[in-house]
Amino acid sequence: MRTDPHREITQLRTDTDRRFKKVDQRFERMDKRFEQLRADMNQRLEQLYRAINTQTWKMIGGIGLIAVLGRLIERIRTLSGATWDRERNPMPVSIE
């Protein structure tokens, strides 16, 4: 019994299209999943960057404040006439 070649080709094409459609659907699902994972990772990295950036600026501000206060203390000591022996005592020796 002989089958129609056109019919076989059509059937083969239909089967192939169906298989490729299933594979395409799987890839689309995986693409969506990876896209969700990528978006989640980007959000987490952004949160981490913000936290580090905030802490960095706080530390820079703290160091700047310490430097400004140090200069202010030295000026107050200079204006008050305090003599300061830095090698022996970190505090003013006498105020004259």
PDB file of N, CA and C in Angstrom:
ATOM      1  N   MET A   1       0.825  -1.168   0.000  1.00  0.00           N
ATOM      2  CA  MET A   1       0.000   0.000   0.000  1.00  0.00           C
ATOM      3  C   MET A   1       0.880   1.246   0.000  1.00  0.00           C
ATOM      4  N   ARG A   2       0.611   2.090  -0.905  1.00  0.00           N
ATOM      5  CA  ARG A   2       1.411   3.282  -1.117  1.00  0.00           C
ATOM      6  C   ARG A   2       0.704   4.498  -0.546  1.00  0.00           C
ATOM      7  N   THR A   3       1.503   5.336   0.155  1.00  0.00           N
ATOM      8  CA  THR A   3       0.912   6.542   0.735  1.00  0.00           C
ATOM      9  C   THR A   3       1.255   7.736  -0.139  1.00  0.00           C
ATOM     10  N   ASP A   4       0.494   8.750   0.042  1.00  0.00           N
ATOM     11  CA  ASP A   4       0.663   9.970  -0.740  1.00  0.00           C
ATOM     12  C   ASP A   4       1.850  10.773  -0.187  1.00  0.00           C
ATOM     13  N   PRO A   5       2.886  11.059  -1.021  1.00  0.00           N
ATOM     14  CA  PRO A   5       4.060  11.790  -0.533  1.00  0.00           C
ATOM     15  C   PRO A   5       3.704  13.213  -0.049  1.00  0.00           C
ATOM     16  N   HIS A   6       2.784  13.838  -0.725  1.00  0.00           N
ATOM     17  CA  HIS A   6       2.378  15.180  -0.307  1.00  0.00           C
ATOM     18  C   HIS A   6       1.761  15.148   1.092  1.00  0.00           C
ATOM     19  N   ARG A   7       0.970  14.127   1.305  1.00  0.00           N
ATOM     20  CA  ARG A   7       0.332  13.975   2.624  1.00  0.00           C
ATOM     21  C   ARG A   7       1.380  13.691   3.705  1.00  0.00           C
ATOM     22  N   GLU A   8       2.367  12.846   3.397  1.00  0.00           N
ATOM     23  CA  GLU A   8       3.434  12.542   4.357  1.00  0.00           C
ATOM     24  C   GLU A   8       4.242  13.796   4.696  1.00  0.00           C
ATOM     25  N   ILE A   9       4.556  14.564   3.668  1.00  0.00           N
ATOM     26  CA  ILE A   9       5.312  15.799   3.891  1.00  0.00           C
ATOM     27  C   ILE A   9       4.494  16.767   4.741  1.00  0.00           C
ATOM     28  N   THR A  10       3.227  16.877   4.433  1.00  0.00           N
ATOM     29  CA  THR A  10       2.357  17.763   5.209  1.00  0.00           C
ATOM     30  C   THR A  10       2.274  17.292   6.657  1.00  0.00           C
ATOM     31  N   GLN A  11       2.131  15.994   6.849  1.00  0.00           N
ATOM     32  CA  GLN A  11       2.063  15.436   8.203  1.00  0.00           C
ATOM     33  C   GLN A  11       3.380  15.661   8.949  1.00  0.00           C
ATOM     34  N   LEU A  12       4.498  15.421   8.260  1.00  0.00           N
ATOM     35  CA  LEU A  12       5.810  15.634   8.867  1.00  0.00           C
ATOM     36  C   LEU A  12       5.994  17.105   9.257  1.00  0.00           C
ATOM     37  N   ARG A  13       5.595  17.994   8.361  1.00  0.00           N
ATOM     38  CA  ARG A  13       5.705  19.426   8.637  1.00  0.00           C
ATOM     39  C   ARG A  13       4.832  19.810   9.837  1.00  0.00           C
ATOM     40  N   THR A  14       3.644  19.259   9.917  1.00  0.00           N
ATOM     41  CA  THR A  14       2.741  19.540  11.040  1.00  0.00           C
ATOM     42  C   THR A  14       3.342  19.041  12.347  1.00  0.00           C
ATOM     43  N   ASP A  15       3.874  17.809  12.332  1.00  0.00           N
ATOM     44  CA  ASP A  15       4.508  17.255  13.537  1.00  0.00           C
ATOM     45  C   ASP A  15       5.728  18.086  13.956  1.00  0.00           C
ATOM     46  N   THR A  16       6.530  18.449  12.980  1.00  0.00           N
ATOM     47  CA  THR A  16       7.716  19.258  13.270  1.00  0.00           C
ATOM     48  C   THR A  16       7.318  20.614  13.841  1.00  0.00           C
ATOM     49  N   ASP A  17       6.322  21.240  13.240  1.00  0.00           N
ATOM     50  CA  ASP A  17       5.848  22.539  13.746  1.00  0.00           C
ATOM     51  C   ASP A  17       5.339  22.420  15.180  1.00  0.00           C
ATOM     52  N   ARG A  18       4.635  21.341  15.461  1.00  0.00           N
ATOM     53  CA  ARG A  18       4.106  21.124  16.811  1.00  0.00           C
ATOM     54  C   ARG A  18       5.259  20.957  17.814  1.00  0.00           C
ATOM     55  N   ARG A  19       6.270  20.176  17.430  1.00  0.00           N
ATOM     56  CA  ARG A  19       7.424  19.977  18.316  1.00  0.00           C
ATOM     57  C   ARG A  19       8.180  21.289  18.543  1.00  0.00           C
ATOM     58  N   PHE A  20       8.401  22.030  17.463  1.00  0.00           N
ATOM     59  CA  PHE A  20       9.095  23.307  17.607  1.00  0.00           C
ATOM     60  C   PHE A  20       8.283  24.292  18.444  1.00  0.00           C
ATOM     61  N   LYS A  21       6.973  24.212  18.308  1.00  0.00           N
ATOM     62  CA  LYS A  21       6.118  25.099  19.103  1.00  0.00           C
ATOM     63  C   LYS A  21       6.280  24.786  20.593  1.00  0.00           C
ATOM     64  N   LYS A  22       6.335  23.489  20.925  1.00  0.00           N
ATOM     65  CA  LYS A  22       6.539  23.097  22.325  1.00  0.00           C
ATOM     66  C   LYS A  22       7.901  23.568  22.828  1.00  0.00           C
ATOM     67  N   VAL A  23       8.920  23.394  22.004  1.00  0.00           N
ATOM     68  CA  VAL A  23      10.263  23.837  22.391  1.00  0.00           C
ATOM     69  C   VAL A  23      10.287  25.355  22.549  1.00  0.00           C
ATOM     70  N   ASP A  24       9.658  26.063  21.623  1.00  0.00           N
ATOM     71  CA  ASP A  24       9.594  27.523  21.724  1.00  0.00           C
ATOM     72  C   ASP A  24       8.886  27.962  23.005  1.00  0.00           C
ATOM     73  N   GLN A  25       7.817  27.255  23.360  1.00  0.00           N
ATOM     74  CA  GLN A  25       7.099  27.591  24.595  1.00  0.00           C
ATOM     75  C   GLN A  25       7.997  27.376  25.816  1.00  0.00           C
ATOM     76  N   ARG A  26       8.767  26.300  25.807  1.00  0.00           N
ATOM     77  CA  ARG A  26       9.702  26.060  26.916  1.00  0.00           C
ATOM     78  C   ARG A  26      10.740  27.173  27.006  1.00  0.00           C
ATOM     79  N   PHE A  27      11.284  27.554  25.853  1.00  0.00           N
ATOM     80  CA  PHE A  27      12.265  28.640  25.855  1.00  0.00           C
ATOM     81  C   PHE A  27      11.642  29.953  26.330  1.00  0.00           C
ATOM     82  N   GLU A  28      10.421  30.209  25.936  1.00  0.00           N
ATOM     83  CA  GLU A  28       9.747  31.428  26.390  1.00  0.00           C
ATOM     84  C   GLU A  28       9.556  31.413  27.901  1.00  0.00           C
ATOM     85  N   ARG A  29       9.176  30.254  28.449  1.00  0.00           N
ATOM     86  CA  ARG A  29       9.029  30.152  29.908  1.00  0.00           C
ATOM     87  C   ARG A  29      10.366  30.368  30.606  1.00  0.00           C
ATOM     88  N   MET A  30      11.423  29.772  30.057  1.00  0.00           N
ATOM     89  CA  MET A  30      12.747  29.946  30.651  1.00  0.00           C
ATOM     90  C   MET A  30      13.207  31.400  30.532  1.00  0.00           C
ATOM     91  N   ASP A  31      12.932  32.021  29.387  1.00  0.00           N
ATOM     92  CA  ASP A  31      13.288  33.434  29.221  1.00  0.00           C
ATOM     93  C   ASP A  31      12.575  34.302  30.255  1.00  0.00           C
ATOM     94  N   LYS A  32      11.298  34.020  30.483  1.00  0.00           N
ATOM     95  CA  LYS A  32      10.549  34.786  31.491  1.00  0.00           C
ATOM     96  C   LYS A  32      11.146  34.573  32.876  1.00  0.00           C
ATOM     97  N   ARG A  33      11.492  33.326  33.175  1.00  0.00           N
ATOM     98  CA  ARG A  33      12.082  33.030  34.485  1.00  0.00           C
ATOM     99  C   ARG A  33      13.423  33.748  34.652  1.00  0.00           C
ATOM    100  N   PHE A  34      14.273  33.680  33.632  1.00  0.00           N
ATOM    101  CA  PHE A  34      15.563  34.366  33.711  1.00  0.00           C
ATOM    102  C   PHE A  34      15.377  35.876  33.792  1.00  0.00           C
ATOM    103  N   GLU A  35      14.387  36.384  33.092  1.00  0.00           N
ATOM    104  CA  GLU A  35      14.109  37.823  33.156  1.00  0.00           C
ATOM    105  C   GLU A  35      13.687  38.223  34.567  1.00  0.00           C
ATOM    106  N   GLN A  36      12.872  37.394  35.213  1.00  0.00           N
ATOM    107  CA  GLN A  36      12.467  37.669  36.592  1.00  0.00           C
ATOM    108  C   GLN A  36      13.673  37.605  37.528  1.00  0.00           C
ATOM    109  N   LEU A  37      14.516  36.592  37.341  1.00  0.00           N
ATOM    110  CA  LEU A  37      15.721  36.472  38.166  1.00  0.00           C
ATOM    111  C   LEU A  37      16.653  37.660  37.962  1.00  0.00           C
ATOM    112  N   ARG A  38      16.804  38.079  36.716  1.00  0.00           N
ATOM    113  CA  ARG A  38      17.668  39.221  36.413  1.00  0.00           C
ATOM    114  C   ARG A  38      17.120  40.491  37.054  1.00  0.00           C
ATOM    115  N   ALA A  39      15.812  40.687  36.962  1.00  0.00           N
ATOM    116  CA  ALA A  39      15.202  41.866  37.574  1.00  0.00           C
ATOM    117  C   ALA A  39      15.386  41.839  39.090  1.00  0.00           C
ATOM    118  N   ASP A  40      15.216  40.663  39.690  1.00  0.00           N
ATOM    119  CA  ASP A  40      15.397  40.528  41.140  1.00  0.00           C
ATOM    120  C   ASP A  40      16.849  40.806  41.531  1.00  0.00           C
ATOM    121  N   MET A  41      17.788  40.271  40.769  1.00  0.00           N
ATOM    122  CA  MET A  41      19.205  40.507  41.059  1.00  0.00           C
ATOM    123  C   MET A  41      19.554  41.982  40.897  1.00  0.00           C
ATOM    124  N   ASN A  42      19.019  42.619  39.861  1.00  0.00           N
ATOM    125  CA  ASN A  42      19.280  44.045  39.667  1.00  0.00           C
ATOM    126  C   ASN A  42      18.749  44.859  40.838  1.00  0.00           C
ATOM    127  N   GLN A  43      17.560  44.496  41.315  1.00  0.00           N
ATOM    128  CA  GLN A  43      16.970  45.205  42.447  1.00  0.00           C
ATOM    129  C   GLN A  43      17.825  45.014  43.701  1.00  0.00           C
ATOM    130  N   ARG A  44      18.273  43.798  43.937  1.00  0.00           N
ATOM    131  CA  ARG A  44      19.112  43.537  45.110  1.00  0.00           C
ATOM    132  C   ARG A  44      20.454  44.261  45.017  1.00  0.00           C
ATOM    133  N   LEU A  45      21.058  44.267  43.833  1.00  0.00           N
ATOM    134  CA  LEU A  45      22.319  44.985  43.655  1.00  0.00           C
ATOM    135  C   LEU A  45      22.133  46.482  43.871  1.00  0.00           C
ATOM    136  N   GLU A  46      21.017  47.008  43.395  1.00  0.00           N
ATOM    137  CA  GLU A  46      20.741  48.430  43.595  1.00  0.00           C
ATOM    138  C   GLU A  46      20.573  48.749  45.079  1.00  0.00           C
ATOM    139  N   GLN A  47      19.872  47.889  45.808  1.00  0.00           N
ATOM    140  CA  GLN A  47      19.708  48.092  47.250  1.00  0.00           C
ATOM    141  C   GLN A  47      21.059  48.024  47.961  1.00  0.00           C
ATOM    142  N   LEU A  48      21.887  47.071  47.576  1.00  0.00           N
ATOM    143  CA  LEU A  48      23.214  46.934  48.172  1.00  0.00           C
ATOM    144  C   LEU A  48      24.067  48.164  47.875  1.00  0.00           C
ATOM    145  N   TYR A  49      24.022  48.635  46.631  1.00  0.00           N
ATOM    146  CA  TYR A  49      24.770  49.832  46.255  1.00  0.00           C
ATOM    147  C   TYR A  49      24.319  51.029  47.083  1.00  0.00           C
ATOM    148  N   ARG A  50      23.015  51.196  47.232  1.00  0.00           N
ATOM    149  CA  ARG A  50      22.503  52.324  48.022  1.00  0.00           C
ATOM    150  C   ARG A  50      22.967  52.239  49.466  1.00  0.00           C
ATOM    151  N   ALA A  51      22.920  51.046  50.041  1.00  0.00           N
ATOM    152  CA  ALA A  51      23.345  50.879  51.437  1.00  0.00           C
ATOM    153  C   ALA A  51      24.829  51.205  51.593  1.00  0.00           C
ATOM    154  N   ILE A  52      25.652  50.693  50.687  1.00  0.00           N
ATOM    155  CA  ILE A  52      27.091  50.959  50.755  1.00  0.00           C
ATOM    156  C   ILE A  52      27.362  52.439  50.524  1.00  0.00           C
ATOM    157  N   ASN A  53      26.681  53.020  49.553  1.00  0.00           N
ATOM    158  CA  ASN A  53      26.873  54.431  49.247  1.00  0.00           C
ATOM    159  C   ASN A  53      26.494  55.300  50.448  1.00  0.00           C
ATOM    160  N   THR A  54      25.387  54.988  51.097  1.00  0.00           N
ATOM    161  CA  THR A  54      24.950  55.745  52.268  1.00  0.00           C
ATOM    162  C   THR A  54      25.972  55.632  53.389  1.00  0.00           C
ATOM    163  N   GLN A  55      26.431  54.418  53.663  1.00  0.00           N
ATOM    164  CA  GLN A  55      27.407  54.223  54.728  1.00  0.00           C
ATOM    165  C   GLN A  55      28.725  54.930  54.408  1.00  0.00           C
ATOM    166  N   THR A  56      29.125  54.906  53.148  1.00  0.00           N
ATOM    167  CA  THR A  56      30.366  55.577  52.753  1.00  0.00           C
ATOM    168  C   THR A  56      30.270  57.068  53.015  1.00  0.00           C
ATOM    169  N   TRP A  57      29.155  57.674  52.624  1.00  0.00           N
ATOM    170  CA  TRP A  57      29.008  59.114  52.841  1.00  0.00           C
ATOM    171  C   TRP A  57      28.913  59.446  54.322  1.00  0.00           C
ATOM    172  N   LYS A  58      28.320  58.564  55.097  1.00  0.00           N
ATOM    173  CA  LYS A  58      28.281  58.787  56.547  1.00  0.00           C
ATOM    174  C   LYS A  58      29.693  58.761  57.122  1.00  0.00           C
ATOM    175  N   MET A  59      30.511  57.810  56.665  1.00  0.00           N
ATOM    176  CA  MET A  59      31.891  57.731  57.157  1.00  0.00           C
ATOM    177  C   MET A  59      32.692  58.952  56.724  1.00  0.00           C
ATOM    178  N   ILE A  60      32.526  59.381  55.485  1.00  0.00           N
ATOM    179  CA  ILE A  60      33.231  60.570  55.003  1.00  0.00           C
ATOM    180  C   ILE A  60      32.805  61.784  55.818  1.00  0.00           C
ATOM    181  N   GLY A  61      31.512  61.903  56.081  1.00  0.00           N
ATOM    182  CA  GLY A  61      31.014  63.007  56.898  1.00  0.00           C
ATOM    183  C   GLY A  61      31.570  62.961  58.311  1.00  0.00           C
ATOM    184  N   GLY A  62      31.640  61.765  58.887  1.00  0.00           N
ATOM    185  CA  GLY A  62      32.192  61.615  60.237  1.00  0.00           C
ATOM    186  C   GLY A  62      33.655  62.015  60.300  1.00  0.00           C
ATOM    187  N   ILE A  63      34.426  61.600  59.309  1.00  0.00           N
ATOM    188  CA  ILE A  63      35.847  61.959  59.265  1.00  0.00           C
ATOM    189  C   ILE A  63      36.000  63.466  59.088  1.00  0.00           C
ATOM    190  N   GLY A  64      35.184  64.045  58.232  1.00  0.00           N
ATOM    191  CA  GLY A  64      35.227  65.496  58.040  1.00  0.00           C
ATOM    192  C   GLY A  64      34.882  66.239  59.313  1.00  0.00           C
ATOM    193  N   LEU A  65      33.880  65.751  60.029  1.00  0.00           N
ATOM    194  CA  LEU A  65      33.490  66.379  61.295  1.00  0.00           C
ATOM    195  C   LEU A  65      34.622  66.295  62.312  1.00  0.00           C
ATOM    196  N   ILE A  66      35.282  65.157  62.388  1.00  0.00           N
ATOM    197  CA  ILE A  66      36.415  64.999  63.308  1.00  0.00           C
ATOM    198  C   ILE A  66      37.523  65.989  62.949  1.00  0.00           C
ATOM    199  N   ALA A  67      37.811  66.131  61.656  1.00  0.00           N
ATOM    200  CA  ALA A  67      38.863  67.069  61.230  1.00  0.00           C
ATOM    201  C   ALA A  67      38.492  68.505  61.582  1.00  0.00           C
ATOM    202  N   VAL A  68      37.240  68.886  61.326  1.00  0.00           N
ATOM    203  CA  VAL A  68      36.797  70.251  61.640  1.00  0.00           C
ATOM    204  C   VAL A  68      36.850  70.499  63.139  1.00  0.00           C
ATOM    205  N   LEU A  69      36.384  69.548  63.927  1.00  0.00           N
ATOM    206  CA  LEU A  69      36.419  69.712  65.385  1.00  0.00           C
ATOM    207  C   LEU A  69      37.859  69.785  65.896  1.00  0.00           C
ATOM    208  N   GLY A  70      38.755  69.005  65.318  1.00  0.00           N
ATOM    209  CA  GLY A  70      40.169  69.060  65.703  1.00  0.00           C
ATOM    210  C   GLY A  70      40.765  70.435  65.451  1.00  0.00           C
ATOM    211  N   ARG A  71      40.479  71.001  64.289  1.00  0.00           N
ATOM    212  CA  ARG A  71      40.974  72.347  63.982  1.00  0.00           C
ATOM    213  C   ARG A  71      40.368  73.378  64.929  1.00  0.00           C
ATOM    214  N   LEU A  72      39.088  73.233  65.210  1.00  0.00           N
ATOM    215  CA  LEU A  72      38.414  74.155  66.123  1.00  0.00           C
ATOM    216  C   LEU A  72      39.040  74.101  67.515  1.00  0.00           C
ATOM    217  N   ILE A  73      39.319  72.910  67.991  1.00  0.00           N
ATOM    218  CA  ILE A  73      39.941  72.753  69.314  1.00  0.00           C
ATOM    219  C   ILE A  73      41.327  73.393  69.326  1.00  0.00           C
ATOM    220  N   GLU A  74      42.110  73.183  68.259  1.00  0.00           N
ATOM    221  CA  GLU A  74      43.438  73.807  68.195  1.00  0.00           C
ATOM    222  C   GLU A  74      43.337  75.323  68.180  1.00  0.00           C
ATOM    223  N   ARG A  75      42.386  75.879  67.469  1.00  0.00           N
ATOM    224  CA  ARG A  75      42.219  77.336  67.433  1.00  0.00           C
ATOM    225  C   ARG A  75      41.797  77.875  68.794  1.00  0.00           C
ATOM    226  N   ILE A  76      40.894  77.153  69.453  1.00  0.00           N
ATOM    227  CA  ILE A  76      40.466  77.583  70.791  1.00  0.00           C
ATOM    228  C   ILE A  76      41.658  77.577  71.733  1.00  0.00           C
ATOM    229  N   ARG A  77      42.477  76.554  71.662  1.00  0.00           N
ATOM    230  CA  ARG A  77      43.667  76.478  72.523  1.00  0.00           C
ATOM    231  C   ARG A  77      44.637  77.614  72.203  1.00  0.00           C
ATOM    232  N   THR A  78      44.811  77.898  70.921  1.00  0.00           N
ATOM    233  CA  THR A  78      45.714  78.973  70.521  1.00  0.00           C
ATOM    234  C   THR A  78      45.183  80.320  71.001  1.00  0.00           C
ATOM    235  N   LEU A  79      43.881  80.542  70.821  1.00  0.00           N
ATOM    236  CA  LEU A  79      43.285  81.818  71.234  1.00  0.00           C
ATOM    237  C   LEU A  79      43.280  81.990  72.750  1.00  0.00           C
ATOM    238  N   SER A  80      43.176  80.903  73.480  1.00  0.00           N
ATOM    239  CA  SER A  80      43.136  81.003  74.938  1.00  0.00           C
ATOM    240  C   SER A  80      44.526  81.125  75.545  1.00  0.00           C
ATOM    241  N   GLY A  81      45.565  81.001  74.743  1.00  0.00           N
ATOM    242  CA  GLY A  81      46.928  81.144  75.226  1.00  0.00           C
ATOM    243  C   GLY A  81      47.471  79.898  75.881  1.00  0.00           C
ATOM    244  N   ALA A  82      46.888  78.780  75.636  1.00  0.00           N
ATOM    245  CA  ALA A  82      47.364  77.538  76.247  1.00  0.00           C
ATOM    246  C   ALA A  82      48.657  77.110  75.579  1.00  0.00           C
ATOM    247  N   THR A  83      49.602  76.653  76.381  1.00  0.00           N
ATOM    248  CA  THR A  83      50.821  76.066  75.830  1.00  0.00           C
ATOM    249  C   THR A  83      50.635  74.559  75.833  1.00  0.00           C
ATOM    250  N   TRP A  84      51.163  73.938  74.843  1.00  0.00           N
ATOM    251  CA  TRP A  84      50.865  72.521  74.653  1.00  0.00           C
ATOM    252  C   TRP A  84      52.153  71.780  74.370  1.00  0.00           C
ATOM    253  N   ASP A  85      52.514  70.897  75.268  1.00  0.00           N
ATOM    254  CA  ASP A  85      53.683  70.046  75.074  1.00  0.00           C
ATOM    255  C   ASP A  85      53.181  68.733  74.478  1.00  0.00           C
ATOM    256  N   ARG A  86      53.220  68.621  73.173  1.00  0.00           N
ATOM    257  CA  ARG A  86      52.621  67.469  72.485  1.00  0.00           C
ATOM    258  C   ARG A  86      53.357  66.165  72.769  1.00  0.00           C
ATOM    259  N   GLU A  87      54.638  66.241  73.015  1.00  0.00           N
ATOM    260  CA  GLU A  87      55.396  65.007  73.224  1.00  0.00           C
ATOM    261  C   GLU A  87      55.092  64.376  74.571  1.00  0.00           C
ATOM    262  N   ARG A  88      54.957  65.182  75.598  1.00  0.00           N
ATOM    263  CA  ARG A  88      54.759  64.622  76.939  1.00  0.00           C
ATOM    264  C   ARG A  88      53.289  64.468  77.307  1.00  0.00           C
ATOM    265  N   ASN A  89      52.447  65.382  76.844  1.00  0.00           N
ATOM    266  CA  ASN A  89      51.056  65.375  77.287  1.00  0.00           C
ATOM    267  C   ASN A  89      50.160  65.847  76.140  1.00  0.00           C
ATOM    268  N   PRO A  90      49.166  65.068  75.781  1.00  0.00           N
ATOM    269  CA  PRO A  90      48.305  65.482  74.675  1.00  0.00           C
ATOM    270  C   PRO A  90      47.349  66.610  75.053  1.00  0.00           C
ATOM    271  N   MET A  91      47.267  66.938  76.331  1.00  0.00           N
ATOM    272  CA  MET A  91      46.380  68.009  76.781  1.00  0.00           C
ATOM    273  C   MET A  91      47.207  69.260  77.075  1.00  0.00           C
ATOM    274  N   PRO A  92      46.590  70.431  77.096  1.00  0.00           N
ATOM    275  CA  PRO A  92      47.332  71.652  77.413  1.00  0.00           C
ATOM    276  C   PRO A  92      47.980  71.552  78.794  1.00  0.00           C
ATOM    277  N   VAL A  93      49.222  72.048  78.877  1.00  0.00           N
ATOM    278  CA  VAL A  93      49.960  71.996  80.135  1.00  0.00           C
ATOM    279  C   VAL A  93      49.479  73.099  81.063  1.00  0.00           C
ATOM    280  N   SER A  94      49.378  74.308  80.522  1.00  0.00           N
ATOM    281  CA  SER A  94      48.910  75.409  81.360  1.00  0.00           C
ATOM    282  C   SER A  94      48.191  76.430  80.506  1.00  0.00           C
ATOM    283  N   ILE A  95      47.295  77.109  81.118  1.00  0.00           N
ATOM    284  CA  ILE A  95      46.578  78.182  80.439  1.00  0.00           C
ATOM    285  C   ILE A  95      47.025  79.480  81.092  1.00  0.00           C
ATOM    286  N   GLU A  96      47.651  80.374  80.329  1.00  0.00           N
ATOM    287  CA  GLU A  96      48.174  81.619  80.889  1.00  0.00           C
ATOM    288  C   GLU A  96      47.407  82.800  80.404  1.00  0.00           C
TER     289      GLU A  96
END
